[in-house]
Amino acid sequence: MVKHYELYTDGACQPNPGTGGWAFAIYERGLARDRITKSGRQENTTNNRMELQAVVEGFEHFLTNCVGTLHLFSDSQYLVNGIEKWCDGWASRGWVKKDNKPVLNRDLWERIYKLKNNMALKCTFVRGHTGNHFNELCDELAVKAIDV
């Protein structure tokens, strides 16, 4: 039987750009109490880079420790649209957008592209700060990582 995992991610930056934090929570569907969380901090970054870093970290954890499908939940439309709508096109054009401008945060997008192509992935946008438990948890962990 195939196992199904859920991954929540978030990134924060104070100020933006400035010191940033990222976080993820992952668990097997139906076993949320057994979740694994991880967070980290970076200097001289942006909120978008932290959103992407959280996904890189979450994807790497999933591919190293889990076998099954992955459902990503994020409050970043930039991230969800990038994975679902833009990433494949960017890669096929050599990491330039349709207007021939370079893709911002290319280093992280390239990592996400390689990782996502090694899993069965579904992405869902969730509105931030609306009471979604795991989105709120990741937000809290990302903000705390900034203050460490």
N, C-alpha and C. Protein backbone atom coordinates (compact mmCIF):
# COMPACT_ATOMS: atom_id res chain seq x y z
N MET A 1 0.84 -1.18 0.00
CA MET A 1 0.00 0.00 0.00
C MET A 1 0.89 1.25 0.00
N VAL A 2 0.55 2.21 -0.84
CA VAL A 2 1.31 3.45 -0.96
C VAL A 2 1.00 4.36 0.22
N LYS A 3 2.05 4.91 0.82
CA LYS A 3 1.87 5.88 1.90
C LYS A 3 1.78 7.28 1.30
N HIS A 4 1.00 8.12 1.95
CA HIS A 4 0.80 9.50 1.50
C HIS A 4 1.28 10.44 2.60
N TYR A 5 2.14 11.38 2.22
CA TYR A 5 2.72 12.33 3.17
C TYR A 5 2.24 13.74 2.85
N GLU A 6 2.16 14.55 3.91
CA GLU A 6 1.80 15.95 3.75
C GLU A 6 2.96 16.79 4.27
N LEU A 7 3.31 17.82 3.49
CA LEU A 7 4.42 18.71 3.81
C LEU A 7 3.90 20.14 3.83
N TYR A 8 4.11 20.81 4.95
CA TYR A 8 3.80 22.23 5.08
C TYR A 8 5.12 22.97 5.19
N THR A 9 5.19 24.13 4.54
CA THR A 9 6.42 24.92 4.57
C THR A 9 6.08 26.39 4.77
N ASP A 10 7.07 27.13 5.26
CA ASP A 10 6.92 28.58 5.34
C ASP A 10 8.29 29.22 5.44
N GLY A 11 8.35 30.47 5.01
CA GLY A 11 9.55 31.27 5.12
C GLY A 11 9.20 32.64 5.63
N ALA A 12 10.17 33.29 6.27
CA ALA A 12 9.96 34.62 6.82
C ALA A 12 11.26 35.41 6.70
N CYS A 13 11.14 36.72 6.69
CA CYS A 13 12.31 37.57 6.60
C CYS A 13 12.01 38.89 7.29
N GLN A 14 12.89 39.31 8.20
CA GLN A 14 12.68 40.55 8.96
C GLN A 14 13.99 41.31 9.07
N PRO A 15 14.14 42.47 8.42
CA PRO A 15 13.26 43.01 7.38
C PRO A 15 13.45 42.24 6.09
N ASN A 16 12.76 42.63 5.06
CA ASN A 16 12.86 41.94 3.77
C ASN A 16 13.43 42.91 2.73
N PRO A 17 14.65 42.71 2.26
CA PRO A 17 15.60 41.65 2.60
C PRO A 17 16.23 41.88 3.97
N GLY A 18 16.79 40.79 4.51
CA GLY A 18 17.41 40.84 5.82
C GLY A 18 17.67 39.44 6.33
N THR A 19 17.48 39.25 7.63
CA THR A 19 17.65 37.93 8.24
C THR A 19 16.38 37.12 8.02
N GLY A 20 16.56 35.88 7.57
CA GLY A 20 15.41 35.06 7.24
C GLY A 20 15.39 33.75 7.99
N GLY A 21 14.20 33.17 8.04
CA GLY A 21 14.01 31.85 8.63
C GLY A 21 13.10 31.02 7.75
N TRP A 22 13.27 29.72 7.80
CA TRP A 22 12.43 28.79 7.05
C TRP A 22 12.06 27.64 7.96
N ALA A 23 10.98 26.94 7.61
CA ALA A 23 10.55 25.79 8.41
C ALA A 23 9.69 24.87 7.57
N PHE A 24 9.70 23.59 7.96
CA PHE A 24 8.77 22.64 7.36
C PHE A 24 8.27 21.68 8.42
N ALA A 25 7.09 21.13 8.16
CA ALA A 25 6.51 20.05 8.97
C ALA A 25 6.04 18.98 7.99
N ILE A 26 6.41 17.74 8.26
CA ILE A 26 6.02 16.64 7.38
C ILE A 26 5.50 15.49 8.23
N TYR A 27 4.50 14.80 7.71
CA TYR A 27 3.93 13.66 8.42
C TYR A 27 3.20 12.77 7.42
N GLU A 28 3.06 11.51 7.81
CA GLU A 28 2.25 10.60 7.01
C GLU A 28 0.79 10.94 7.25
N ARG A 29 0.02 11.05 6.17
CA ARG A 29 -1.39 11.40 6.30
C ARG A 29 -2.07 10.48 7.30
N GLY A 30 -2.78 11.10 8.23
CA GLY A 30 -3.47 10.35 9.27
C GLY A 30 -2.65 10.17 10.53
N LEU A 31 -1.37 10.53 10.46
CA LEU A 31 -0.48 10.38 11.62
C LEU A 31 0.19 11.71 11.97
N ALA A 32 -0.60 12.76 12.01
CA ALA A 32 -0.06 14.11 12.23
C ALA A 32 0.67 14.23 13.56
N ARG A 33 0.28 13.44 14.53
CA ARG A 33 0.95 13.52 15.84
C ARG A 33 2.41 13.08 15.75
N ASP A 34 2.76 12.33 14.70
CA ASP A 34 4.13 11.86 14.51
C ASP A 34 4.91 12.77 13.57
N ARG A 35 4.51 14.00 13.47
CA ARG A 35 5.15 14.93 12.53
C ARG A 35 6.62 15.15 12.87
N ILE A 36 7.36 15.52 11.85
CA ILE A 36 8.75 15.93 12.00
C ILE A 36 8.82 17.38 11.56
N THR A 37 9.47 18.22 12.35
CA THR A 37 9.64 19.62 11.98
C THR A 37 11.12 19.95 11.94
N LYS A 38 11.45 20.91 11.11
CA LYS A 38 12.82 21.40 11.02
C LYS A 38 12.77 22.86 10.62
N SER A 39 13.72 23.63 11.11
CA SER A 39 13.79 25.05 10.74
C SER A 39 15.24 25.48 10.67
N GLY A 40 15.45 26.63 10.05
CA GLY A 40 16.81 27.15 9.92
C GLY A 40 16.78 28.65 9.66
N ARG A 41 17.97 29.22 9.63
CA ARG A 41 18.13 30.67 9.56
C ARG A 41 19.19 31.02 8.54
N GLN A 42 19.02 32.15 7.86
CA GLN A 42 20.03 32.66 6.92
C GLN A 42 20.09 34.17 7.02
N GLU A 43 21.28 34.70 6.82
CA GLU A 43 21.48 36.15 6.78
C GLU A 43 21.37 36.62 5.33
N ASN A 44 21.11 37.92 5.16
CA ASN A 44 21.13 38.56 3.84
C ASN A 44 20.31 37.78 2.82
N THR A 45 19.04 37.65 3.09
CA THR A 45 18.16 36.87 2.22
C THR A 45 16.83 37.59 2.05
N THR A 46 15.87 36.93 1.42
CA THR A 46 14.54 37.51 1.21
C THR A 46 13.47 36.50 1.64
N ASN A 47 12.25 36.98 1.76
CA ASN A 47 11.16 36.07 2.14
C ASN A 47 10.95 35.00 1.06
N ASN A 48 11.06 35.37 -0.22
CA ASN A 48 10.88 34.36 -1.26
C ASN A 48 11.96 33.29 -1.22
N ARG A 49 13.19 33.67 -0.97
CA ARG A 49 14.26 32.67 -0.87
C ARG A 49 14.00 31.74 0.32
N MET A 50 13.46 32.27 1.39
CA MET A 50 13.18 31.42 2.55
C MET A 50 12.02 30.47 2.27
N GLU A 51 11.02 30.92 1.52
CA GLU A 51 9.94 30.02 1.11
C GLU A 51 10.51 28.86 0.29
N LEU A 52 11.40 29.19 -0.65
CA LEU A 52 12.00 28.16 -1.50
C LEU A 52 12.92 27.24 -0.70
N GLN A 53 13.70 27.81 0.21
CA GLN A 53 14.61 26.99 1.02
C GLN A 53 13.84 25.99 1.87
N ALA A 54 12.71 26.41 2.40
CA ALA A 54 11.88 25.49 3.20
C ALA A 54 11.45 24.29 2.37
N VAL A 55 11.09 24.53 1.11
CA VAL A 55 10.67 23.43 0.24
C VAL A 55 11.85 22.53 -0.12
N VAL A 56 13.00 23.12 -0.42
CA VAL A 56 14.19 22.30 -0.69
C VAL A 56 14.46 21.38 0.49
N GLU A 57 14.45 21.92 1.69
CA GLU A 57 14.72 21.12 2.89
C GLU A 57 13.66 20.04 3.08
N GLY A 58 12.39 20.40 2.87
CA GLY A 58 11.32 19.43 3.02
C GLY A 58 11.38 18.33 1.97
N PHE A 59 11.64 18.69 0.72
CA PHE A 59 11.76 17.70 -0.35
C PHE A 59 12.93 16.76 -0.07
N GLU A 60 14.07 17.32 0.34
CA GLU A 60 15.24 16.47 0.63
C GLU A 60 14.94 15.50 1.76
N HIS A 61 14.25 15.98 2.80
CA HIS A 61 13.87 15.09 3.90
C HIS A 61 12.96 13.97 3.39
N PHE A 62 11.96 14.33 2.60
CA PHE A 62 11.02 13.34 2.07
C PHE A 62 11.75 12.29 1.24
N LEU A 63 12.59 12.71 0.32
CA LEU A 63 13.27 11.76 -0.56
C LEU A 63 14.26 10.88 0.17
N THR A 64 14.80 11.36 1.28
CA THR A 64 15.77 10.59 2.06
C THR A 64 15.09 9.63 3.03
N ASN A 65 13.92 10.00 3.55
CA ASN A 65 13.33 9.27 4.66
C ASN A 65 11.96 8.64 4.41
N CYS A 66 11.33 8.93 3.29
CA CYS A 66 9.96 8.49 3.07
C CYS A 66 9.82 7.80 1.71
N VAL A 67 8.86 6.91 1.61
CA VAL A 67 8.50 6.29 0.34
C VAL A 67 7.00 6.46 0.18
N GLY A 68 6.59 7.13 -0.88
CA GLY A 68 5.17 7.35 -1.11
C GLY A 68 4.95 8.60 -1.92
N THR A 69 3.75 9.16 -1.80
CA THR A 69 3.40 10.39 -2.50
C THR A 69 3.51 11.56 -1.54
N LEU A 70 3.66 12.75 -2.11
CA LEU A 70 3.81 13.95 -1.28
C LEU A 70 2.81 15.01 -1.72
N HIS A 71 2.14 15.60 -0.73
CA HIS A 71 1.22 16.72 -0.97
C HIS A 71 1.80 17.92 -0.24
N LEU A 72 2.24 18.91 -1.01
CA LEU A 72 2.82 20.13 -0.46
C LEU A 72 1.74 21.18 -0.27
N PHE A 73 1.75 21.81 0.90
CA PHE A 73 0.85 22.92 1.21
C PHE A 73 1.71 24.14 1.50
N SER A 74 1.44 25.25 0.83
CA SER A 74 2.22 26.47 1.03
C SER A 74 1.32 27.69 0.93
N ASP A 75 1.67 28.73 1.70
CA ASP A 75 0.93 29.99 1.60
C ASP A 75 1.62 30.96 0.63
N SER A 76 2.57 30.46 -0.15
CA SER A 76 3.27 31.27 -1.14
C SER A 76 2.79 30.94 -2.55
N GLN A 77 2.04 31.85 -3.15
CA GLN A 77 1.61 31.64 -4.53
C GLN A 77 2.81 31.60 -5.47
N TYR A 78 3.84 32.37 -5.17
CA TYR A 78 5.08 32.35 -5.95
C TYR A 78 5.64 30.93 -6.00
N LEU A 79 5.66 30.27 -4.88
CA LEU A 79 6.18 28.91 -4.81
C LEU A 79 5.26 27.92 -5.54
N VAL A 80 3.99 27.93 -5.22
CA VAL A 80 3.05 26.98 -5.83
C VAL A 80 2.99 27.18 -7.34
N ASN A 81 2.86 28.42 -7.79
CA ASN A 81 2.84 28.68 -9.23
C ASN A 81 4.16 28.30 -9.88
N GLY A 82 5.26 28.58 -9.21
CA GLY A 82 6.56 28.22 -9.75
C GLY A 82 6.69 26.73 -9.99
N ILE A 83 6.24 25.93 -9.04
CA ILE A 83 6.33 24.48 -9.18
C ILE A 83 5.34 23.97 -10.23
N GLU A 84 4.10 24.44 -10.16
CA GLU A 84 3.05 23.87 -11.01
C GLU A 84 2.98 24.47 -12.42
N LYS A 85 3.35 25.74 -12.57
CA LYS A 85 3.12 26.41 -13.85
C LYS A 85 4.39 26.85 -14.58
N TRP A 86 5.44 27.23 -13.85
CA TRP A 86 6.55 27.91 -14.49
C TRP A 86 7.84 27.11 -14.58
N CYS A 87 8.11 26.28 -13.61
CA CYS A 87 9.42 25.63 -13.46
C CYS A 87 9.83 24.83 -14.70
N ASP A 88 8.93 24.04 -15.24
CA ASP A 88 9.28 23.21 -16.40
C ASP A 88 9.68 24.09 -17.59
N GLY A 89 8.94 25.17 -17.81
CA GLY A 89 9.27 26.09 -18.90
C GLY A 89 10.60 26.79 -18.68
N TRP A 90 10.83 27.23 -17.44
CA TRP A 90 12.12 27.86 -17.14
C TRP A 90 13.27 26.92 -17.46
N ALA A 91 13.14 25.69 -17.03
CA ALA A 91 14.21 24.71 -17.25
C ALA A 91 14.43 24.48 -18.74
N SER A 92 13.35 24.37 -19.50
CA SER A 92 13.49 24.10 -20.94
C SER A 92 14.09 25.29 -21.69
N ARG A 93 13.96 26.50 -21.13
CA ARG A 93 14.52 27.69 -21.76
C ARG A 93 15.88 28.07 -21.17
N GLY A 94 16.47 27.21 -20.37
CA GLY A 94 17.77 27.53 -19.77
C GLY A 94 17.68 28.51 -18.62
N TRP A 95 16.58 28.45 -17.87
CA TRP A 95 16.36 29.25 -16.68
C TRP A 95 16.24 30.74 -16.99
N VAL A 96 15.52 31.00 -18.09
CA VAL A 96 15.07 32.36 -18.38
C VAL A 96 13.56 32.33 -18.53
N LYS A 97 12.93 33.46 -18.19
CA LYS A 97 11.48 33.56 -18.30
C LYS A 97 11.09 33.81 -19.75
N LYS A 98 9.80 33.82 -20.02
CA LYS A 98 9.31 34.05 -21.38
C LYS A 98 9.77 35.38 -21.95
N ASP A 99 10.01 36.37 -21.07
CA ASP A 99 10.48 37.68 -21.53
C ASP A 99 12.01 37.74 -21.67
N ASN A 100 12.65 36.58 -21.58
CA ASN A 100 14.11 36.43 -21.69
C ASN A 100 14.89 37.03 -20.53
N LYS A 101 14.22 37.37 -19.45
CA LYS A 101 14.92 37.83 -18.24
C LYS A 101 15.26 36.60 -17.41
N PRO A 102 16.38 36.66 -16.68
CA PRO A 102 16.77 35.50 -15.87
C PRO A 102 15.78 35.24 -14.73
N VAL A 103 15.62 33.98 -14.41
CA VAL A 103 14.76 33.57 -13.29
C VAL A 103 15.43 33.99 -11.99
N LEU A 104 14.69 34.71 -11.15
CA LEU A 104 15.21 35.06 -9.83
C LEU A 104 15.29 33.80 -8.97
N ASN A 105 16.27 33.75 -8.11
CA ASN A 105 16.47 32.62 -7.19
C ASN A 105 16.71 31.31 -7.95
N ARG A 106 17.40 31.43 -9.07
CA ARG A 106 17.63 30.29 -9.95
C ARG A 106 18.25 29.10 -9.22
N ASP A 107 19.21 29.37 -8.34
CA ASP A 107 19.88 28.27 -7.64
C ASP A 107 18.89 27.39 -6.89
N LEU A 108 17.94 28.02 -6.21
CA LEU A 108 16.95 27.26 -5.45
C LEU A 108 15.92 26.62 -6.37
N TRP A 109 15.51 27.32 -7.41
CA TRP A 109 14.55 26.74 -8.36
C TRP A 109 15.13 25.52 -9.06
N GLU A 110 16.41 25.56 -9.39
CA GLU A 110 17.03 24.39 -10.02
C GLU A 110 17.01 23.19 -9.08
N ARG A 111 17.28 23.42 -7.80
CA ARG A 111 17.23 22.32 -6.83
C ARG A 111 15.81 21.78 -6.70
N ILE A 112 14.84 22.67 -6.60
CA ILE A 112 13.44 22.24 -6.50
C ILE A 112 13.05 21.43 -7.73
N TYR A 113 13.43 21.89 -8.90
CA TYR A 113 13.11 21.21 -10.15
C TYR A 113 13.65 19.78 -10.15
N LYS A 114 14.91 19.63 -9.77
CA LYS A 114 15.51 18.29 -9.74
C LYS A 114 14.83 17.40 -8.71
N LEU A 115 14.55 17.95 -7.54
CA LEU A 115 13.92 17.17 -6.48
C LEU A 115 12.49 16.77 -6.84
N LYS A 116 11.72 17.71 -7.37
CA LYS A 116 10.29 17.43 -7.66
C LYS A 116 10.13 16.37 -8.73
N ASN A 117 11.12 16.25 -9.59
CA ASN A 117 11.04 15.26 -10.66
C ASN A 117 11.35 13.85 -10.18
N ASN A 118 11.64 13.69 -8.91
CA ASN A 118 11.91 12.38 -8.32
C ASN A 118 10.82 11.93 -7.37
N MET A 119 9.62 12.51 -7.49
CA MET A 119 8.53 12.16 -6.58
C MET A 119 7.18 12.37 -7.25
N ALA A 120 6.17 11.72 -6.68
CA ALA A 120 4.79 11.98 -7.05
C ALA A 120 4.32 13.13 -6.17
N LEU A 121 4.10 14.30 -6.77
CA LEU A 121 3.88 15.53 -6.02
C LEU A 121 2.58 16.20 -6.42
N LYS A 122 1.87 16.69 -5.41
CA LYS A 122 0.70 17.54 -5.59
C LYS A 122 0.94 18.79 -4.76
N CYS A 123 0.56 19.96 -5.27
CA CYS A 123 0.74 21.22 -4.54
C CYS A 123 -0.60 21.89 -4.32
N THR A 124 -0.76 22.50 -3.15
CA THR A 124 -1.97 23.23 -2.83
C THR A 124 -1.60 24.54 -2.14
N PHE A 125 -2.18 25.63 -2.62
CA PHE A 125 -2.02 26.93 -1.98
C PHE A 125 -2.99 27.02 -0.81
N VAL A 126 -2.49 27.45 0.34
CA VAL A 126 -3.34 27.70 1.51
C VAL A 126 -3.13 29.15 1.93
N ARG A 127 -4.19 29.80 2.29
CA ARG A 127 -4.05 31.19 2.75
C ARG A 127 -3.35 31.21 4.11
N GLY A 128 -2.39 32.10 4.24
CA GLY A 128 -1.66 32.23 5.49
C GLY A 128 -2.48 32.93 6.55
N HIS A 129 -2.17 32.62 7.80
CA HIS A 129 -2.76 33.31 8.95
C HIS A 129 -4.28 33.21 8.98
N THR A 130 -4.78 32.02 8.62
CA THR A 130 -6.23 31.81 8.65
C THR A 130 -6.61 30.64 9.56
N GLY A 131 -5.67 30.23 10.42
CA GLY A 131 -5.98 29.18 11.38
C GLY A 131 -5.61 27.78 10.97
N ASN A 132 -4.97 27.60 9.81
CA ASN A 132 -4.51 26.27 9.42
C ASN A 132 -3.37 25.88 10.36
N HIS A 133 -3.57 24.82 11.13
CA HIS A 133 -2.64 24.47 12.21
C HIS A 133 -1.20 24.32 11.73
N PHE A 134 -0.97 23.55 10.69
CA PHE A 134 0.41 23.30 10.28
C PHE A 134 1.03 24.48 9.56
N ASN A 135 0.23 25.27 8.86
CA ASN A 135 0.75 26.50 8.27
C ASN A 135 1.17 27.47 9.37
N GLU A 136 0.34 27.57 10.40
CA GLU A 136 0.67 28.45 11.53
C GLU A 136 1.91 27.95 12.27
N LEU A 137 2.03 26.64 12.44
CA LEU A 137 3.20 26.06 13.09
C LEU A 137 4.47 26.41 12.33
N CYS A 138 4.46 26.23 11.01
CA CYS A 138 5.65 26.54 10.21
C CYS A 138 5.97 28.02 10.24
N ASP A 139 4.95 28.87 10.22
CA ASP A 139 5.17 30.31 10.33
C ASP A 139 5.86 30.63 11.66
N GLU A 140 5.35 30.05 12.73
CA GLU A 140 5.93 30.29 14.05
C GLU A 140 7.38 29.83 14.12
N LEU A 141 7.67 28.65 13.58
CA LEU A 141 9.04 28.13 13.60
C LEU A 141 9.98 28.96 12.74
N ALA A 142 9.51 29.43 11.59
CA ALA A 142 10.34 30.26 10.72
C ALA A 142 10.67 31.59 11.38
N VAL A 143 9.68 32.20 12.02
CA VAL A 143 9.91 33.47 12.72
C VAL A 143 10.84 33.26 13.91
N LYS A 144 10.66 32.18 14.65
CA LYS A 144 11.55 31.89 15.79
C LYS A 144 12.99 31.67 15.32
N ALA A 145 13.16 31.06 14.16
CA ALA A 145 14.51 30.81 13.64
C ALA A 145 15.25 32.12 13.39
N ILE A 146 14.54 33.16 13.03
CA ILE A 146 15.16 34.47 12.80
C ILE A 146 15.74 35.01 14.09
N ASP A 147 15.05 34.78 15.19
CA ASP A 147 15.43 35.37 16.48
C ASP A 147 16.46 34.57 17.26
N VAL A 148 16.90 33.45 16.72
CA VAL A 148 17.87 32.60 17.44
C VAL A 148 19.20 33.30 17.54
